[in-house]
Amino acid sequence: MATTNGVGEAAITTTIAGGPSAQYRWVILLVCWLTFVGGYMARLGLGPMAPFMKASLSLTRTQVGFFMSAVSLGQIITLLPAGWITDRFGVRVAISFGMMVGGIFLIAMSFAPGYIIALFLMCMAGLGLGDST
């Protein structure tokens, strides 16, 4: 099967499998995996943190559940624009910017004085994390 640039499949396979790019692929895989884990920790880490959040903010279980919904809502809102951002600026910029925005709002959420502000900050964190997942 010929490619459009005139290089055969054997040449492409040899270029990808050997050389310095083989080590680089593992680094990229590790970075992508860590980004994925970091992005989902915001949503999946809420369950184990629920008792501490209930005690410090005097919340009910329903209110703690709304935190997961807020993160998901933020991610849903961002998914389509994230595709456009990725197409326009590249994957590195999209993942870096998304994780930075998500991280800033998650740190801010840890200092939230009340439930409504914390809920808003979790939604904003979801906006950034939707760009990186």
Foldseek 3Di string as FASTA:
>chain_A
DADPVGDDPVVVVVVCCDDPNVVVVVVVVVVLVVLVVVLCCLQVVLVVCVVVCCVVAVDDPVLSVLLNVLLVLLLVVQQVVLVVCCVVPNLVVQQVQLQVQLVVLVVVLVVDPHSVSNSNSSNSSSNSSSSND
